[in-house]
N, C-alpha and C. Protein backbone atom coordinates (compact mmCIF):
# COMPACT_ATOMS: atom_id res chain seq x y z
N MET A 1 -90.83 30.54 17.27
CA MET A 1 -91.69 30.43 16.10
C MET A 1 -92.79 31.48 16.20
N MET A 2 -93.05 32.17 15.09
CA MET A 2 -94.09 33.19 15.07
C MET A 2 -95.46 32.56 14.95
N SER A 3 -96.42 33.14 15.65
CA SER A 3 -97.79 32.64 15.54
C SER A 3 -98.39 33.16 14.23
N PRO A 4 -99.36 32.44 13.68
CA PRO A 4 -99.98 32.88 12.42
C PRO A 4 -100.64 34.25 12.58
N MET A 5 -100.64 34.99 11.49
CA MET A 5 -101.25 36.32 11.46
C MET A 5 -102.77 36.18 11.51
N THR A 6 -103.41 37.11 12.23
CA THR A 6 -104.87 37.12 12.26
C THR A 6 -105.39 37.99 11.12
N SER A 7 -106.67 37.92 10.89
CA SER A 7 -107.31 38.75 9.86
C SER A 7 -107.13 40.23 10.15
N THR A 8 -107.24 40.60 11.41
CA THR A 8 -107.08 42.00 11.81
C THR A 8 -105.65 42.46 11.58
N GLU A 9 -104.68 41.61 11.87
CA GLU A 9 -103.28 41.96 11.64
C GLU A 9 -102.99 42.08 10.15
N LEU A 10 -103.60 41.20 9.35
CA LEU A 10 -103.45 41.28 7.90
C LEU A 10 -104.04 42.58 7.38
N GLU A 11 -105.23 42.92 7.85
CA GLU A 11 -105.89 44.17 7.45
C GLU A 11 -104.99 45.37 7.75
N LYS A 12 -104.44 45.41 8.95
CA LYS A 12 -103.57 46.52 9.36
C LYS A 12 -102.31 46.57 8.50
N ALA A 13 -101.71 45.43 8.24
CA ALA A 13 -100.48 45.40 7.44
C ALA A 13 -100.73 45.88 6.02
N VAL A 14 -101.83 45.44 5.41
CA VAL A 14 -102.15 45.87 4.05
C VAL A 14 -102.44 47.36 4.03
N ARG A 15 -103.25 47.85 4.98
CA ARG A 15 -103.58 49.27 5.04
C ARG A 15 -102.31 50.12 5.19
N GLU A 16 -101.44 49.74 6.11
CA GLU A 16 -100.22 50.51 6.35
C GLU A 16 -99.29 50.50 5.14
N THR A 17 -99.20 49.37 4.47
CA THR A 17 -98.36 49.29 3.28
C THR A 17 -98.90 50.19 2.18
N ILE A 18 -100.21 50.18 2.00
CA ILE A 18 -100.82 51.02 0.97
C ILE A 18 -100.62 52.49 1.29
N VAL A 19 -100.89 52.88 2.50
CA VAL A 19 -100.77 54.29 2.88
C VAL A 19 -99.33 54.77 2.75
N SER A 20 -98.37 53.94 3.16
CA SER A 20 -96.98 54.38 3.14
C SER A 20 -96.36 54.33 1.75
N SER A 21 -96.78 53.41 0.91
CA SER A 21 -96.10 53.25 -0.38
C SER A 21 -96.86 53.82 -1.57
N LEU A 22 -98.13 54.14 -1.41
CA LEU A 22 -98.91 54.58 -2.57
C LEU A 22 -99.38 56.03 -2.47
N LYS A 23 -98.82 56.81 -1.55
CA LYS A 23 -99.25 58.20 -1.37
C LYS A 23 -99.21 59.00 -2.66
N THR A 24 -98.18 58.81 -3.44
CA THR A 24 -98.01 59.62 -4.65
C THR A 24 -98.24 58.81 -5.93
N SER A 25 -98.76 57.63 -5.79
CA SER A 25 -98.97 56.78 -6.96
C SER A 25 -100.18 57.24 -7.77
N GLY A 26 -100.01 57.34 -9.05
CA GLY A 26 -101.12 57.66 -9.94
C GLY A 26 -101.98 56.45 -10.23
N THR A 27 -101.50 55.30 -9.85
CA THR A 27 -102.23 54.05 -10.10
C THR A 27 -102.49 53.32 -8.78
N ALA A 28 -102.82 54.07 -7.75
CA ALA A 28 -103.02 53.47 -6.42
C ALA A 28 -104.07 52.37 -6.40
N PRO A 29 -105.24 52.52 -7.03
CA PRO A 29 -106.21 51.42 -6.97
C PRO A 29 -105.67 50.11 -7.56
N ALA A 30 -104.99 50.19 -8.69
CA ALA A 30 -104.44 48.98 -9.30
C ALA A 30 -103.32 48.39 -8.45
N ALA A 31 -102.46 49.24 -7.92
CA ALA A 31 -101.38 48.76 -7.07
C ALA A 31 -101.92 48.15 -5.78
N ALA A 32 -102.96 48.74 -5.22
CA ALA A 32 -103.58 48.21 -4.01
C ALA A 32 -104.21 46.84 -4.27
N ALA A 33 -104.86 46.68 -5.41
CA ALA A 33 -105.47 45.40 -5.76
C ALA A 33 -104.39 44.33 -5.91
N ASP A 34 -103.27 44.69 -6.54
CA ASP A 34 -102.16 43.75 -6.68
C ASP A 34 -101.60 43.36 -5.32
N LEU A 35 -101.42 44.35 -4.47
CA LEU A 35 -100.90 44.09 -3.12
C LEU A 35 -101.87 43.20 -2.33
N ALA A 36 -103.15 43.48 -2.42
CA ALA A 36 -104.15 42.68 -1.71
C ALA A 36 -104.14 41.24 -2.22
N GLY A 37 -104.03 41.07 -3.52
CA GLY A 37 -103.98 39.72 -4.08
C GLY A 37 -102.78 38.94 -3.57
N ARG A 38 -101.61 39.59 -3.52
CA ARG A 38 -100.42 38.93 -2.99
C ARG A 38 -100.58 38.63 -1.50
N ALA A 39 -101.19 39.55 -0.75
CA ALA A 39 -101.40 39.33 0.68
C ALA A 39 -102.33 38.14 0.91
N ILE A 40 -103.36 38.02 0.08
CA ILE A 40 -104.29 36.88 0.20
C ILE A 40 -103.55 35.57 -0.07
N ARG A 41 -102.78 35.53 -1.15
CA ARG A 41 -102.05 34.30 -1.48
C ARG A 41 -101.08 33.93 -0.35
N ASP A 42 -100.36 34.92 0.19
CA ASP A 42 -99.42 34.65 1.27
C ASP A 42 -100.15 34.16 2.53
N ALA A 43 -101.28 34.79 2.84
CA ALA A 43 -102.04 34.40 4.03
C ALA A 43 -102.58 32.98 3.89
N LEU A 44 -103.09 32.65 2.71
CA LEU A 44 -103.59 31.29 2.48
C LEU A 44 -102.46 30.28 2.58
N ALA A 45 -101.31 30.63 2.03
CA ALA A 45 -100.15 29.73 2.09
C ALA A 45 -99.68 29.55 3.53
N GLY A 46 -99.91 30.56 4.37
CA GLY A 46 -99.54 30.48 5.77
C GLY A 46 -100.57 29.78 6.64
N GLY A 47 -101.67 29.34 6.03
CA GLY A 47 -102.67 28.58 6.77
C GLY A 47 -103.86 29.38 7.27
N MET A 48 -103.96 30.64 6.90
CA MET A 48 -105.12 31.43 7.33
C MET A 48 -106.36 30.94 6.60
N PRO A 49 -107.49 30.82 7.29
CA PRO A 49 -108.73 30.43 6.61
C PRO A 49 -109.07 31.43 5.49
N ALA A 50 -109.60 30.92 4.41
CA ALA A 50 -109.86 31.73 3.22
C ALA A 50 -110.70 32.97 3.52
N GLU A 51 -111.80 32.80 4.23
CA GLU A 51 -112.69 33.93 4.50
C GLU A 51 -111.95 35.05 5.24
N LYS A 52 -111.13 34.68 6.20
CA LYS A 52 -110.38 35.69 6.97
C LYS A 52 -109.32 36.36 6.11
N ALA A 53 -108.66 35.58 5.24
CA ALA A 53 -107.63 36.15 4.37
C ALA A 53 -108.25 37.16 3.40
N PHE A 54 -109.36 36.78 2.78
CA PHE A 54 -110.01 37.68 1.83
C PHE A 54 -110.52 38.94 2.53
N MET A 55 -111.17 38.75 3.66
CA MET A 55 -111.75 39.88 4.39
C MET A 55 -110.65 40.84 4.86
N GLY A 56 -109.61 40.32 5.46
CA GLY A 56 -108.54 41.17 5.98
C GLY A 56 -107.84 41.97 4.90
N ALA A 57 -107.52 41.31 3.80
CA ALA A 57 -106.80 41.98 2.71
C ALA A 57 -107.66 43.04 2.04
N VAL A 58 -108.91 42.72 1.78
CA VAL A 58 -109.80 43.68 1.11
C VAL A 58 -110.12 44.86 2.02
N GLN A 59 -110.42 44.60 3.28
CA GLN A 59 -110.70 45.71 4.20
C GLN A 59 -109.48 46.60 4.36
N GLY A 60 -108.31 46.00 4.44
CA GLY A 60 -107.09 46.79 4.56
C GLY A 60 -106.85 47.64 3.33
N ALA A 61 -107.05 47.05 2.15
CA ALA A 61 -106.84 47.79 0.91
C ALA A 61 -107.82 48.95 0.79
N LEU A 62 -109.09 48.68 1.05
CA LEU A 62 -110.10 49.75 0.91
C LEU A 62 -109.90 50.85 1.96
N SER A 63 -109.57 50.48 3.18
CA SER A 63 -109.38 51.52 4.20
C SER A 63 -108.13 52.34 3.90
N GLY A 64 -107.08 51.71 3.38
CA GLY A 64 -105.89 52.46 2.99
C GLY A 64 -106.17 53.42 1.86
N LEU A 65 -106.92 52.96 0.87
CA LEU A 65 -107.27 53.83 -0.26
C LEU A 65 -108.20 54.95 0.18
N LEU A 66 -109.08 54.67 1.11
CA LEU A 66 -109.97 55.70 1.64
C LEU A 66 -109.15 56.79 2.33
N LEU A 67 -108.16 56.39 3.12
CA LEU A 67 -107.30 57.36 3.79
C LEU A 67 -106.53 58.22 2.79
N LEU A 68 -106.21 57.64 1.63
CA LEU A 68 -105.49 58.38 0.59
C LEU A 68 -106.44 59.13 -0.35
N GLU A 69 -107.74 59.03 -0.08
CA GLU A 69 -108.77 59.69 -0.89
C GLU A 69 -108.68 59.28 -2.36
N GLN A 70 -108.59 57.97 -2.57
CA GLN A 70 -108.51 57.40 -3.92
C GLN A 70 -109.90 57.00 -4.41
N ASP A 71 -109.96 56.60 -5.67
CA ASP A 71 -111.20 56.21 -6.33
C ASP A 71 -111.65 54.83 -5.84
N LEU A 72 -112.57 54.79 -4.88
CA LEU A 72 -112.99 53.51 -4.31
C LEU A 72 -113.81 52.64 -5.26
N PRO A 73 -114.68 53.21 -6.10
CA PRO A 73 -115.40 52.34 -7.04
C PRO A 73 -114.45 51.61 -7.99
N GLU A 74 -113.47 52.32 -8.51
CA GLU A 74 -112.48 51.67 -9.38
C GLU A 74 -111.71 50.60 -8.61
N ALA A 75 -111.30 50.95 -7.40
CA ALA A 75 -110.55 50.01 -6.57
C ALA A 75 -111.38 48.77 -6.25
N SER A 76 -112.66 48.95 -6.01
CA SER A 76 -113.53 47.81 -5.69
C SER A 76 -113.59 46.81 -6.82
N VAL A 77 -113.70 47.30 -8.03
CA VAL A 77 -113.73 46.40 -9.20
C VAL A 77 -112.40 45.66 -9.31
N LEU A 78 -111.30 46.37 -9.16
CA LEU A 78 -109.99 45.74 -9.26
C LEU A 78 -109.76 44.75 -8.13
N LEU A 79 -110.26 45.07 -6.94
CA LEU A 79 -110.13 44.14 -5.82
C LEU A 79 -110.95 42.87 -6.04
N LEU A 80 -112.13 43.01 -6.62
CA LEU A 80 -112.94 41.82 -6.93
C LEU A 80 -112.18 40.91 -7.90
N LYS A 81 -111.51 41.50 -8.88
CA LYS A 81 -110.71 40.70 -9.81
C LYS A 81 -109.56 40.02 -9.09
N ALA A 82 -108.89 40.74 -8.18
CA ALA A 82 -107.77 40.16 -7.44
C ALA A 82 -108.23 39.02 -6.53
N VAL A 83 -109.37 39.20 -5.88
CA VAL A 83 -109.92 38.15 -5.02
C VAL A 83 -110.29 36.93 -5.84
N ASN A 84 -110.91 37.15 -6.98
CA ASN A 84 -111.29 36.04 -7.86
C ASN A 84 -110.05 35.27 -8.32
N GLU A 85 -109.02 36.00 -8.71
CA GLU A 85 -107.80 35.35 -9.16
C GLU A 85 -107.15 34.55 -8.04
N ALA A 86 -107.09 35.13 -6.85
CA ALA A 86 -106.49 34.43 -5.71
C ALA A 86 -107.30 33.17 -5.37
N ALA A 87 -108.62 33.27 -5.45
CA ALA A 87 -109.47 32.12 -5.16
C ALA A 87 -109.26 31.01 -6.20
N GLN A 88 -109.15 31.41 -7.45
CA GLN A 88 -108.92 30.41 -8.50
C GLN A 88 -107.57 29.71 -8.31
N ARG A 89 -106.54 30.50 -7.98
CA ARG A 89 -105.21 29.90 -7.77
C ARG A 89 -105.21 28.92 -6.61
N ALA A 90 -106.03 29.20 -5.60
CA ALA A 90 -106.08 28.34 -4.42
C ALA A 90 -107.17 27.27 -4.53
N ASN A 91 -107.84 27.20 -5.69
CA ASN A 91 -108.93 26.25 -5.90
C ASN A 91 -110.05 26.40 -4.88
N ILE A 92 -110.43 27.67 -4.62
CA ILE A 92 -111.52 27.97 -3.69
C ILE A 92 -112.69 28.47 -4.51
N GLU A 93 -113.86 27.94 -4.24
CA GLU A 93 -115.05 28.37 -4.97
C GLU A 93 -115.82 29.40 -4.20
């Protein structure tokens, strides 16, 4: 049986996915926010504490976008929306 993923492992997985799959994407910030939202939902479903899930996914998304030299202000707004949506779906205030 696999042990649960840590926040640091989630951050690394999100960052690596973004860097490898969004290099040539014209919509990298939006795609990264979508990916982070899915990662948060999956992490919460796997039992990761909410704070760690949100922190790991957002840090991974932003660091991946930074490595790709993408628009971080735009990405930040989209990530806030993704975090809010994930929190609402999980009934977290």
